[in-house]
């Protein structure tokens, strides 16, 4: 059972990496939409 601990750690690390990348891409899309709305409201 101890032999599997590094594999579990690797899987958890990959899941955190995927979640972090998704959070960054999702945030940048929302920022782009927000900037567009701000520019439209100033005109």
PDB file of N, CA and C in Angstrom:
ATOM      1  N   UNK A   1       0.828  -1.199   0.000  1.00  0.00           N
ATOM      2  CA  UNK A   1       0.000   0.000   0.000  1.00  0.00           C
ATOM      3  C   UNK A   1       0.867   1.255   0.000  1.00  0.00           C
ATOM      4  N   UNK A   2       1.998   1.203   0.673  1.00  0.00           N
ATOM      5  CA  UNK A   2       2.894   2.361   0.724  1.00  0.00           C
ATOM      6  C   UNK A   2       3.446   2.670  -0.669  1.00  0.00           C
ATOM      7  N   UNK A   3       3.539   1.660  -1.506  1.00  0.00           N
ATOM      8  CA  UNK A   3       4.077   1.862  -2.854  1.00  0.00           C
ATOM      9  C   UNK A   3       3.175   2.759  -3.709  1.00  0.00           C
ATOM     10  N   UNK A   4       1.904   2.839  -3.385  1.00  0.00           N
ATOM     11  CA  UNK A   4       0.970   3.604  -4.197  1.00  0.00           C
ATOM     12  C   UNK A   4       0.913   5.080  -3.810  1.00  0.00           C
ATOM     13  N   UNK A   5       1.461   5.451  -2.672  1.00  0.00           N
ATOM     14  CA  UNK A   5       1.378   6.843  -2.203  1.00  0.00           C
ATOM     15  C   UNK A   5       1.952   7.836  -3.219  1.00  0.00           C
ATOM     16  N   UNK A   6       3.122   7.572  -3.814  1.00  0.00           N
ATOM     17  CA  UNK A   6       3.623   8.529  -4.820  1.00  0.00           C
ATOM     18  C   UNK A   6       2.689   8.676  -6.024  1.00  0.00           C
ATOM     19  N   UNK A   7       2.022   7.585  -6.411  1.00  0.00           N
ATOM     20  CA  UNK A   7       1.092   7.665  -7.534  1.00  0.00           C
ATOM     21  C   UNK A   7      -0.112   8.533  -7.183  1.00  0.00           C
ATOM     22  N   UNK A   8      -0.634   8.373  -5.986  1.00  0.00           N
ATOM     23  CA  UNK A   8      -1.749   9.214  -5.546  1.00  0.00           C
ATOM     24  C   UNK A   8      -1.320  10.681  -5.500  1.00  0.00           C
ATOM     25  N   UNK A   9      -0.128  10.941  -5.021  1.00  0.00           N
ATOM     26  CA  UNK A   9       0.377  12.317  -4.969  1.00  0.00           C
ATOM     27  C   UNK A   9       0.494  12.888  -6.382  1.00  0.00           C
ATOM     28  N   UNK A  10       0.947  12.081  -7.308  1.00  0.00           N
ATOM     29  CA  UNK A  10       1.058  12.528  -8.702  1.00  0.00           C
ATOM     30  C   UNK A  10      -0.291  12.834  -9.314  1.00  0.00           C
ATOM     31  N   UNK A  11      -1.271  11.986  -9.051  1.00  0.00           N
ATOM     32  CA  UNK A  11      -2.616  12.212  -9.590  1.00  0.00           C
ATOM     33  C   UNK A  11      -3.215  13.485  -8.999  1.00  0.00           C
ATOM     34  N   UNK A  12      -3.055  13.665  -7.700  1.00  0.00           N
ATOM     35  CA  UNK A  12      -3.582  14.872  -7.065  1.00  0.00           C
ATOM     36  C   UNK A  12      -2.901  16.119  -7.626  1.00  0.00           C
ATOM     37  N   UNK A  13      -1.601  16.036  -7.851  1.00  0.00           N
ATOM     38  CA  UNK A  13      -0.869  17.178  -8.415  1.00  0.00           C
ATOM     39  C   UNK A  13      -1.377  17.508  -9.813  1.00  0.00           C
ATOM     40  N   UNK A  14      -1.601  16.485 -10.621  1.00  0.00           N
ATOM     41  CA  UNK A  14      -2.129  16.722 -11.967  1.00  0.00           C
ATOM     42  C   UNK A  14      -3.529  17.334 -11.915  1.00  0.00           C
ATOM     43  N   UNK A  15      -4.365  16.854 -10.993  1.00  0.00           N
ATOM     44  CA  UNK A  15      -5.712  17.421 -10.874  1.00  0.00           C
ATOM     45  C   UNK A  15      -5.661  18.890 -10.475  1.00  0.00           C
ATOM     46  N   UNK A  16      -4.776  19.233  -9.540  1.00  0.00           N
ATOM     47  CA  UNK A  16      -4.639  20.637  -9.158  1.00  0.00           C
ATOM     48  C   UNK A  16      -4.126  21.469 -10.337  1.00  0.00           C
ATOM     49  N   UNK A  17      -3.212  20.923 -11.127  1.00  0.00           N
ATOM     50  CA  UNK A  17      -2.706  21.638 -12.294  1.00  0.00           C
ATOM     51  C   UNK A  17      -3.800  21.913 -13.311  1.00  0.00           C
ATOM     52  N   UNK A  18      -4.630  20.912 -13.564  1.00  0.00           N
ATOM     53  CA  UNK A  18      -5.732  21.077 -14.514  1.00  0.00           C
ATOM     54  C   UNK A  18      -6.736  22.101 -13.990  1.00  0.00           C
ATOM     55  N   UNK A  19      -7.049  22.024 -12.703  1.00  0.00           N
ATOM     56  CA  UNK A  19      -8.004  22.973 -12.122  1.00  0.00           C
ATOM     57  C   UNK A  19      -7.453  24.394 -12.162  1.00  0.00           C
ATOM     58  N   UNK A  20      -6.166  24.547 -11.902  1.00  0.00           N
ATOM     59  CA  UNK A  20      -5.549  25.871 -11.934  1.00  0.00           C
ATOM     60  C   UNK A  20      -5.570  26.449 -13.347  1.00  0.00           C
ATOM     61  N   UNK A  21      -5.250  25.620 -14.340  1.00  0.00           N
ATOM     62  CA  UNK A  21      -5.274  26.079 -15.729  1.00  0.00           C
ATOM     63  C   UNK A  21      -6.691  26.467 -16.144  1.00  0.00           C
ATOM     64  N   UNK A  22      -7.680  25.684 -15.729  1.00  0.00           N
ATOM     65  CA  UNK A  22      -9.075  26.007 -16.052  1.00  0.00           C
ATOM     66  C   UNK A  22      -9.491  27.327 -15.402  1.00  0.00           C
ATOM     67  N   UNK A  23      -9.075  27.520 -14.164  1.00  0.00           N
ATOM     68  CA  UNK A  23      -9.426  28.759 -13.463  1.00  0.00           C
ATOM     69  C   UNK A  23      -8.816  29.963 -14.163  1.00  0.00           C
ATOM     70  N   UNK A  24      -7.585  29.844 -14.623  1.00  0.00           N
ATOM     71  CA  UNK A  24      -6.942  30.960 -15.316  1.00  0.00           C
ATOM     72  C   UNK A  24      -7.630  31.271 -16.636  1.00  0.00           C
ATOM     73  N   UNK A  25      -7.949  30.250 -17.416  1.00  0.00           N
ATOM     74  CA  UNK A  25      -8.581  30.497 -18.717  1.00  0.00           C
ATOM     75  C   UNK A  25      -9.996  31.033 -18.533  1.00  0.00           C
ATOM     76  N   UNK A  26     -10.723  30.520 -17.555  1.00  0.00           N
ATOM     77  CA  UNK A  26     -12.087  30.987 -17.311  1.00  0.00           C
ATOM     78  C   UNK A  26     -12.080  32.441 -16.850  1.00  0.00           C
ATOM     79  N   UNK A  27     -11.129  32.794 -16.009  1.00  0.00           N
ATOM     80  CA  UNK A  27     -11.032  34.160 -15.509  1.00  0.00           C
ATOM     81  C   UNK A  27     -10.672  35.129 -16.634  1.00  0.00           C
ATOM     82  N   UNK A  28      -9.757  34.735 -17.508  1.00  0.00           N
ATOM     83  CA  UNK A  28      -9.354  35.636 -18.587  1.00  0.00           C
ATOM     84  C   UNK A  28     -10.517  35.885 -19.552  1.00  0.00           C
ATOM     85  N   UNK A  29     -11.355  34.874 -19.766  1.00  0.00           N
ATOM     86  CA  UNK A  29     -12.529  35.065 -20.625  1.00  0.00           C
ATOM     87  C   UNK A  29     -13.504  36.043 -19.980  1.00  0.00           C
ATOM     88  N   UNK A  30     -13.714  35.908 -18.680  1.00  0.00           N
ATOM     89  CA  UNK A  30     -14.633  36.814 -17.992  1.00  0.00           C
ATOM     90  C   UNK A  30     -14.078  38.230 -17.985  1.00  0.00           C
ATOM     91  N   UNK A  31     -12.758  38.369 -17.828  1.00  0.00           N
ATOM     92  CA  UNK A  31     -12.142  39.688 -17.858  1.00  0.00           C
ATOM     93  C   UNK A  31     -12.327  40.345 -19.219  1.00  0.00           C
ATOM     94  N   UNK A  32     -12.200  39.561 -20.286  1.00  0.00           N
ATOM     95  CA  UNK A  32     -12.370  40.108 -21.627  1.00  0.00           C
ATOM     96  C   UNK A  32     -13.807  40.587 -21.827  1.00  0.00           C
ATOM     97  N   UNK A  33     -14.770  39.821 -21.336  1.00  0.00           N
ATOM     98  CA  UNK A  33     -16.168  40.233 -21.452  1.00  0.00           C
ATOM     99  C   UNK A  33     -16.430  41.501 -20.640  1.00  0.00           C
ATOM    100  N   UNK A  34     -15.840  41.575 -19.465  1.00  0.00           N
ATOM    101  CA  UNK A  34     -16.029  42.745 -18.606  1.00  0.00           C
ATOM    102  C   UNK A  34     -15.427  43.992 -19.248  1.00  0.00           C
ATOM    103  N   UNK A  35     -14.224  43.851 -19.826  1.00  0.00           N
ATOM    104  CA  UNK A  35     -13.601  44.996 -20.509  1.00  0.00           C
ATOM    105  C   UNK A  35     -14.467  45.473 -21.667  1.00  0.00           C
ATOM    106  N   UNK A  36     -15.047  44.532 -22.396  1.00  0.00           N
ATOM    107  CA  UNK A  36     -15.908  44.896 -23.518  1.00  0.00           C
ATOM    108  C   UNK A  36     -17.123  45.681 -23.029  1.00  0.00           C
ATOM    109  N   UNK A  37     -17.732  45.244 -21.934  1.00  0.00           N
ATOM    110  CA  UNK A  37     -18.894  45.945 -21.391  1.00  0.00           C
ATOM    111  C   UNK A  37     -18.508  47.339 -20.896  1.00  0.00           C
ATOM    112  N   UNK A  38     -17.342  47.456 -20.293  1.00  0.00           N
ATOM    113  CA  UNK A  38     -16.889  48.762 -19.797  1.00  0.00           C
ATOM    114  C   UNK A  38     -16.670  49.725 -20.959  1.00  0.00           C
ATOM    115  N   UNK A  39     -16.045  49.236 -22.028  1.00  0.00           N
ATOM    116  CA  UNK A  39     -15.806  50.090 -23.189  1.00  0.00           C
ATOM    117  C   UNK A  39     -17.119  50.534 -23.822  1.00  0.00           C
ATOM    118  N   UNK A  40     -18.106  49.630 -23.886  1.00  0.00           N
ATOM    119  CA  UNK A  40     -19.400  49.980 -24.470  1.00  0.00           C
ATOM    120  C   UNK A  40     -20.124  51.018 -23.617  1.00  0.00           C
ATOM    121  N   UNK A  41     -19.996  50.917 -22.309  1.00  0.00           N
ATOM    122  CA  UNK A  41     -20.711  51.845 -21.439  1.00  0.00           C
ATOM    123  C   UNK A  41     -20.096  53.240 -21.455  1.00  0.00           C
ATOM    124  N   UNK A  42     -18.809  53.348 -21.760  1.00  0.00           N
ATOM    125  CA  UNK A  42     -18.149  54.654 -21.804  1.00  0.00           C
ATOM    126  C   UNK A  42     -18.479  55.419 -23.076  1.00  0.00           C
ATOM    127  N   UNK A  43     -18.880  54.707 -24.130  1.00  0.00           N
ATOM    128  CA  UNK A  43     -19.179  55.378 -25.403  1.00  0.00           C
ATOM    129  C   UNK A  43     -20.471  56.092 -25.411  1.00  0.00           C
TER     130      UNK A  43
END
